[in-house]
Amino acid sequence: MKDRESILVTGGAGYIGSHTILEILRDGSYDVVSADNFSNGDANTFRRIAEISGKEVKNYNVDLTRAADTRRIFSENPQITAVIHFAALKSVPESVEKPELYFSNNVGSLEVLLGEMRTAGVNKLIFSSSCSVYGNSPVQPVTEETPLQKAESPYGATKLKCEEILRTYSAAHPEMKTAALRYFNPAGAHASGKTGEIQKRNVTGLVPILCAVAAGERKEIYIHGTDYPTRDGTCIRDYVHITDIARAHVLAHAWLNSSKSSAGMHVFNLGSGNGTTVEEAVNAFQKVNHLTLNVVRGPRRPGDVAAIYSNGEKAKRELGWQPELSLGEMMRSAWEWEKKYRSLQS
């Protein structure tokens, strides 16, 4: 009996990776193999995935910049027919401090992965890109045709470089079908309340910081910059529920497998189409969770862009995807998960 086809999810223990695994398993059409060395993820994530889904996921604790280790995943799992590549370092401030680390890891792992995919005959890839490729774009909302700008951080530069590699690689190998999903700001936690975001490195995301302040781990939420050319002077971002982001990967995989897609590299924005200022996001967290936090406002932070939000019409038209869950639900579920996670650690 032929094994069911599997999808390799790199960075499967991470925030977006783990929620995407849950959506793949919920859909039920494919099995999953994971690769994660827990530099960002938590090994207990797979226990939580099993508790929610009732299914065990095999994980390879490997460094994807090492060709031999990456090759072993494919040789031991010939049923893998597609890859969703999340594994990457993602902190903007850390990338400013350690650019060489970000280039060697984020770009190096993609180069190795592509080589081993080709050797294994796997020709479908969904790449975890970022809205950071648009830089400080004067055009808002951005579409997939909006000109890419100079990266505002080494992290953003790695995503630009990876997209360039994928574009060149796909042109050279016409059997390759690639979808690069440009995320905006994933937030929130799984509807079960049993898993969500875990920050192992420096906490820099707005919602995790809000949770840390609410939990008393931090004294204040610091808003970086109040003089941007926005409606309240704080940065504008586009927040999307993590489950909506994860669901987009299942739809993108189905699209790559369908006659609707062609060979080559395709890009899709995953955003709500609505810009939310940092001030508005902080207020939403406080309101939905009935909390009052200590909010401090100060100067801008290096690497931040003034505003970035998406026109999501292409993803809606081609993938059949659009966000379904609200900003309030993101903030509520994030805090509910944070409280549960902290109780499990105590």
Protein backbone atom coordinates (compact mmCIF):
# COMPACT_ATOMS: atom_id res chain seq x y z
CA MET A 1 0.00 0.00 0.00
CA LYS A 2 1.40 3.36 -1.02
CA ASP A 3 2.14 5.79 1.81
CA ARG A 4 0.03 8.92 1.93
CA GLU A 5 1.75 12.01 0.65
CA SER A 6 3.38 14.21 3.28
CA ILE A 7 4.26 17.88 3.51
CA LEU A 8 7.59 18.81 5.09
CA VAL A 9 7.10 21.78 7.41
CA THR A 10 10.39 23.40 8.40
CA GLY A 11 10.22 25.36 11.64
CA GLY A 12 7.29 23.17 12.65
CA ALA A 13 7.66 23.93 16.36
CA GLY A 14 7.48 27.67 15.74
CA TYR A 15 4.49 29.94 16.06
CA ILE A 16 3.26 29.95 12.46
CA GLY A 17 4.66 26.51 11.68
CA SER A 18 2.82 24.76 14.51
CA HIS A 19 -0.51 26.40 13.69
CA THR A 20 -0.04 25.49 10.03
CA ILE A 21 0.61 21.86 10.98
CA LEU A 22 -2.66 21.89 12.91
CA GLU A 23 -4.51 23.26 9.88
CA ILE A 24 -2.96 20.62 7.58
CA LEU A 25 -3.95 17.86 10.00
CA ARG A 26 -7.43 19.31 10.42
CA ASP A 27 -7.85 19.32 6.64
CA GLY A 28 -6.82 15.66 6.68
CA SER A 29 -5.57 15.27 3.10
CA TYR A 30 -1.86 15.01 3.92
CA ASP A 31 0.48 13.81 6.64
CA VAL A 32 3.20 16.06 8.06
CA VAL A 33 6.93 15.72 8.67
CA SER A 34 8.58 18.52 10.65
CA ALA A 35 12.14 19.86 10.83
CA ASP A 36 12.94 22.10 13.79
CA ASN A 37 16.06 22.42 15.95
CA PHE A 38 14.18 24.45 18.60
CA SER A 39 16.30 27.58 18.26
CA ASN A 40 13.00 29.47 18.25
CA GLY A 41 10.44 26.72 18.85
CA ASP A 42 9.50 24.66 21.91
CA ALA A 43 9.81 20.85 21.87
CA ASN A 44 6.58 20.61 23.88
CA THR A 45 4.75 22.08 20.88
CA PHE A 46 4.50 18.61 19.36
CA ARG A 47 2.85 17.27 22.49
CA ARG A 48 0.30 20.08 22.23
CA ILE A 49 -0.23 19.36 18.51
CA ALA A 50 -0.92 15.70 19.37
CA GLU A 51 -3.31 16.70 22.15
CA ILE A 52 -5.29 18.97 19.83
CA SER A 53 -5.20 16.86 16.66
CA GLY A 54 -4.89 13.33 18.00
CA LYS A 55 -1.94 12.79 15.64
CA GLU A 56 1.78 12.41 16.28
CA VAL A 57 4.14 14.42 14.08
CA LYS A 58 7.65 13.16 13.37
CA ASN A 59 10.22 15.94 13.88
CA TYR A 60 13.85 16.07 12.79
CA ASN A 61 15.99 18.11 15.18
CA VAL A 62 18.43 19.31 12.51
CA ASP A 63 20.16 22.43 11.28
CA LEU A 64 18.87 23.00 7.75
CA THR A 65 22.08 24.73 6.72
CA ARG A 66 23.73 21.28 6.91
CA ALA A 67 23.13 19.48 3.62
CA ALA A 68 23.65 15.94 4.98
CA ASP A 69 21.06 16.39 7.71
CA THR A 70 18.56 17.94 5.31
CA ARG A 71 19.15 15.15 2.78
CA ARG A 72 18.34 12.54 5.42
CA ILE A 73 14.85 13.95 5.91
CA PHE A 74 14.00 13.39 2.24
CA SER A 75 15.73 10.01 1.97
CA GLU A 76 13.88 8.66 5.02
CA ASN A 77 10.54 10.13 3.91
CA PRO A 78 10.12 9.56 0.16
CA GLN A 79 6.41 10.33 0.54
CA ILE A 80 7.23 14.06 0.92
CA THR A 81 5.86 15.88 -2.13
CA ALA A 82 5.93 19.51 -0.98
CA VAL A 83 7.70 21.79 1.50
CA ILE A 84 6.45 24.70 3.57
CA HIS A 85 9.55 26.59 4.66
CA PHE A 86 9.19 28.65 7.85
CA ALA A 87 12.51 27.99 9.57
CA ALA A 88 14.24 31.36 10.02
CA LEU A 89 15.38 33.85 12.60
CA LYS A 90 12.91 36.73 12.73
CA SER A 91 13.79 39.46 15.25
CA VAL A 92 14.33 42.84 13.57
CA PRO A 93 16.40 44.34 16.44
CA GLU A 94 18.53 41.20 16.74
CA SER A 95 19.14 41.21 12.99
CA VAL A 96 20.46 44.78 13.28
CA GLU A 97 22.93 43.57 15.92
CA LYS A 98 23.85 40.26 14.22
CA PRO A 99 23.33 40.56 10.45
CA GLU A 100 25.83 37.82 9.64
CA LEU A 101 23.82 35.34 11.74
CA TYR A 102 20.62 36.20 9.89
CA PHE A 103 22.14 35.87 6.42
CA SER A 104 23.94 32.59 7.16
CA ASN A 105 20.83 31.05 8.72
CA ASN A 106 17.92 32.44 6.70
CA VAL A 107 19.54 32.49 3.27
CA GLY A 108 21.82 29.51 3.85
CA SER A 109 19.01 27.18 4.90
CA LEU A 110 16.96 28.04 1.81
CA GLU A 111 19.91 27.38 -0.51
CA VAL A 112 20.54 23.97 1.06
CA LEU A 113 16.83 23.11 1.10
CA LEU A 114 16.40 23.89 -2.60
CA GLY A 115 19.36 21.70 -3.51
CA GLU A 116 18.04 18.75 -1.49
CA MET A 117 14.51 19.20 -2.84
CA ARG A 118 15.87 18.98 -6.36
CA THR A 119 17.84 15.84 -5.55
CA ALA A 120 14.69 14.27 -4.03
CA GLY A 121 12.46 15.34 -6.93
CA VAL A 122 10.25 17.54 -4.74
CA ASN A 123 9.09 20.53 -6.78
CA LYS A 124 6.46 22.38 -4.74
CA LEU A 125 7.51 24.99 -2.18
CA ILE A 126 5.58 27.47 -0.06
CA PHE A 127 7.96 30.08 1.33
CA SER A 128 7.40 32.14 4.45
CA SER A 129 8.14 35.65 3.27
CA SER A 130 7.30 38.97 4.87
CA CYS A 131 5.79 42.37 4.26
CA SER A 132 9.25 43.69 5.18
CA VAL A 133 10.19 43.25 1.49
CA TYR A 134 8.14 46.38 0.74
CA GLY A 135 10.41 48.44 2.99
CA ASN A 136 9.21 51.97 3.71
CA SER A 137 6.88 52.00 0.72
CA PRO A 138 5.20 55.33 -0.11
CA VAL A 139 2.29 53.35 -1.55
CA GLN A 140 -0.37 52.06 0.86
CA PRO A 141 -1.97 49.61 0.84
CA VAL A 142 0.68 47.55 -0.90
CA THR A 143 -0.19 45.03 -3.61
CA GLU A 144 2.00 42.26 -4.98
CA GLU A 145 2.94 44.65 -7.81
CA THR A 146 4.09 47.43 -5.46
CA PRO A 147 7.82 48.04 -6.13
CA LEU A 148 10.03 46.49 -3.48
CA GLN A 149 12.10 48.94 -1.48
CA LYS A 150 15.48 48.82 0.19
CA ALA A 151 15.15 46.70 3.31
CA GLU A 152 14.93 48.61 6.58
CA SER A 153 16.67 45.81 8.50
CA PRO A 154 18.98 42.83 7.86
CA TYR A 155 15.98 40.56 8.58
CA GLY A 156 14.06 42.24 5.76
CA ALA A 157 17.13 41.98 3.55
CA THR A 158 17.24 38.21 4.06
CA LYS A 159 13.63 37.91 2.88
CA LEU A 160 14.40 40.00 -0.19
CA LYS A 161 17.42 37.82 -0.94
CA CYS A 162 15.43 34.61 -0.48
CA GLU A 163 12.72 35.81 -2.85
CA GLU A 164 15.40 36.70 -5.41
CA ILE A 165 16.87 33.20 -5.08
CA LEU A 166 13.44 31.60 -5.52
CA ARG A 167 12.67 33.72 -8.57
CA THR A 168 15.98 32.79 -10.21
CA TYR A 169 15.74 29.13 -9.22
CA SER A 170 12.16 28.78 -10.48
CA ALA A 171 13.11 30.33 -13.82
CA ALA A 172 15.99 27.88 -14.20
CA HIS A 173 13.92 24.83 -13.21
CA PRO A 174 10.50 25.06 -14.91
CA GLU A 175 9.16 22.02 -13.05
CA MET A 176 9.35 24.04 -9.81
CA LYS A 177 6.18 25.68 -8.48
CA THR A 178 6.66 28.17 -5.65
CA ALA A 179 4.32 30.39 -3.65
CA ALA A 180 5.91 33.10 -1.50
CA LEU A 181 3.43 34.26 1.13
CA ARG A 182 4.19 37.75 2.37
CA TYR A 183 2.86 37.91 5.93
CA PHE A 184 1.90 41.04 7.65
CA ASN A 185 1.53 40.72 11.45
CA PRO A 186 0.31 37.35 12.73
CA ALA A 187 -1.26 37.52 16.19
CA GLY A 188 -3.47 35.49 18.50
CA ALA A 189 -3.58 31.83 19.48
CA HIS A 190 -5.33 28.57 18.58
CA ALA A 191 -9.08 28.36 19.24
CA SER A 192 -8.55 25.36 21.53
CA GLY A 193 -6.61 27.56 23.94
CA LYS A 194 -3.98 24.82 24.07
CA THR A 195 -1.20 26.41 22.02
CA GLY A 196 -0.01 29.81 20.86
CA GLU A 197 3.08 31.96 20.57
CA ILE A 198 6.14 31.20 22.68
CA GLN A 199 9.05 33.63 22.55
CA LYS A 200 12.39 31.96 23.26
CA ARG A 201 14.59 34.74 21.94
CA ASN A 202 14.37 38.47 22.62
CA VAL A 203 10.67 39.38 22.77
CA THR A 204 10.05 42.12 20.21
CA GLY A 205 6.55 41.54 18.83
CA LEU A 206 3.86 43.91 20.06
CA VAL A 207 1.34 41.28 21.18
CA PRO A 208 3.85 39.11 23.13
CA ILE A 209 5.10 42.26 24.86
CA LEU A 210 1.53 43.24 25.73
CA CYS A 211 1.04 39.80 27.24
CA ALA A 212 4.30 40.07 29.21
CA VAL A 213 3.22 43.44 30.64
CA ALA A 214 -0.24 42.11 31.49
CA ALA A 215 1.40 39.16 33.27
CA GLY A 216 3.62 41.47 35.31
CA GLU A 217 6.82 40.23 33.70
CA ARG A 218 7.47 43.68 32.25
CA LYS A 219 6.68 47.00 33.83
CA GLU A 220 5.46 48.80 30.72
CA ILE A 221 4.57 48.66 27.09
CA TYR A 222 6.87 51.01 25.21
CA ILE A 223 5.53 52.57 22.03
CA HIS A 224 8.48 53.32 19.73
CA GLY A 225 7.76 56.56 17.90
CA THR A 226 4.85 58.98 18.17
CA ASP A 227 5.81 61.33 15.33
CA TYR A 228 5.19 59.12 12.28
CA PRO A 229 2.97 60.58 9.52
CA THR A 230 -0.04 58.51 10.66
CA ARG A 231 -3.40 59.36 12.23
CA ASP A 232 -2.07 59.17 15.81
CA GLY A 233 1.69 59.37 15.17
CA THR A 234 2.39 55.67 15.84
CA CYS A 235 3.33 53.05 13.26
CA ILE A 236 0.60 51.39 11.22
CA ARG A 237 0.64 47.61 10.89
CA ASP A 238 -1.72 44.99 9.47
CA TYR A 239 -2.65 42.34 12.04
CA VAL A 240 -4.00 38.93 10.97
CA HIS A 241 -5.07 36.07 13.21
CA ILE A 242 -2.56 33.23 13.29
CA THR A 243 -5.22 30.69 12.33
CA ASP A 244 -6.10 32.71 9.24
CA ILE A 245 -2.41 32.83 8.29
CA ALA A 246 -2.07 29.06 8.83
CA ARG A 247 -5.19 28.33 6.78
CA ALA A 248 -3.68 30.27 3.86
CA HIS A 249 -0.87 27.70 3.62
CA VAL A 250 -3.33 24.84 3.17
CA LEU A 251 -5.07 26.83 0.43
CA ALA A 252 -1.74 27.76 -1.20
CA HIS A 253 -0.69 24.11 -1.25
CA ALA A 254 -3.98 23.11 -2.86
CA TRP A 255 -3.51 25.90 -5.41
CA LEU A 256 -0.01 24.69 -6.31
CA ASN A 257 -1.44 21.21 -6.84
CA SER A 258 -4.23 22.48 -9.08
CA SER A 259 -4.39 23.40 -12.75
CA LYS A 260 -4.93 27.02 -11.68
CA SER A 261 -1.24 27.47 -10.92
CA SER A 262 1.64 27.51 -13.35
CA ALA A 263 5.34 26.82 -12.99
CA GLY A 264 7.45 29.61 -11.54
CA MET A 265 7.33 31.79 -8.45
CA HIS A 266 4.09 33.43 -7.33
CA VAL A 267 3.68 35.94 -4.51
CA PHE A 268 0.67 36.60 -2.30
CA ASN A 269 0.05 39.16 0.41
CA LEU A 270 -1.56 37.79 3.56
CA GLY A 271 -3.05 40.85 5.20
CA SER A 272 -6.41 42.20 6.29
CA GLY A 273 -6.37 45.25 4.05
CA ASN A 274 -6.83 47.42 7.13
CA GLY A 275 -4.07 49.32 8.84
CA THR A 276 -4.09 49.43 12.65
CA THR A 277 -1.85 51.83 14.54
CA VAL A 278 0.24 50.59 17.44
CA GLU A 279 -1.79 52.85 19.73
CA GLU A 280 -5.03 51.30 18.47
CA ALA A 281 -3.67 47.78 18.93
CA VAL A 282 -2.61 48.53 22.52
CA ASN A 283 -6.03 49.97 23.25
CA ALA A 284 -7.76 46.94 21.70
CA PHE A 285 -5.75 44.56 23.92
CA GLN A 286 -6.67 46.51 27.04
CA LYS A 287 -10.34 46.78 26.10
CA VAL A 288 -11.06 43.16 25.16
CA ASN A 289 -9.17 41.80 28.16
CA HIS A 290 -10.45 44.41 30.64
CA LEU A 291 -6.94 45.49 31.59
CA THR A 292 -5.13 48.77 32.17
CA LEU A 293 -1.45 48.66 31.27
CA ASN A 294 1.39 51.08 31.88
CA VAL A 295 1.98 52.61 28.43
CA VAL A 296 5.14 54.66 27.78
CA ARG A 297 5.74 56.56 24.56
CA GLY A 298 9.21 57.37 23.26
CA PRO A 299 11.47 57.82 20.21
CA ARG A 300 11.50 55.68 17.09
CA ARG A 301 13.24 52.31 16.91
CA PRO A 302 15.85 51.55 14.19
CA GLY A 303 14.52 49.28 11.44
CA ASP A 304 10.84 50.17 11.80
CA VAL A 305 8.83 51.46 8.84
CA ALA A 306 6.11 54.09 9.29
CA ALA A 307 3.25 52.14 7.76
CA ILE A 308 2.65 48.86 6.01
CA TYR A 309 -0.68 47.22 5.26
CA SER A 310 -2.00 45.04 2.52
CA ASN A 311 -4.35 44.86 -0.38
CA GLY A 312 -5.36 41.20 -0.20
CA GLU A 313 -7.39 40.93 -3.39
CA LYS A 314 -4.97 38.56 -5.14
CA ALA A 315 -5.04 35.99 -2.33
CA LYS A 316 -8.84 36.25 -2.24
CA ARG A 317 -9.12 35.82 -6.01
CA GLU A 318 -6.51 33.11 -6.56
CA LEU A 319 -6.42 31.17 -3.28
CA GLY A 320 -9.92 31.82 -2.02
CA TRP A 321 -8.43 33.25 1.18
CA GLN A 322 -9.37 36.22 3.30
CA PRO A 323 -9.08 36.86 7.06
CA GLU A 324 -12.06 35.78 9.13
CA LEU A 325 -11.07 36.55 12.73
CA SER A 326 -11.04 40.03 14.26
CA LEU A 327 -8.39 42.14 15.98
CA GLY A 328 -10.30 41.71 19.24
CA GLU A 329 -10.19 37.92 18.87
CA MET A 330 -6.45 38.08 18.25
CA MET A 331 -5.90 40.04 21.44
CA ARG A 332 -8.31 37.93 23.51
CA SER A 333 -6.93 34.55 22.41
CA ALA A 334 -3.31 35.70 22.80
CA TRP A 335 -3.89 36.67 26.42
CA GLU A 336 -5.90 33.52 27.21
CA TRP A 337 -3.07 31.35 25.85
CA GLU A 338 -0.42 33.39 27.68
CA LYS A 339 -2.19 32.85 31.00
CA LYS A 340 -2.49 29.12 30.37
CA TYR A 341 1.14 28.77 29.27
CA ARG A 342 2.40 30.60 32.33
CA SER A 343 0.29 28.40 34.60
CA LEU A 344 1.80 25.32 32.98
CA GLN A 345 5.32 26.63 33.70
CA SER A 346 4.66 27.39 37.38
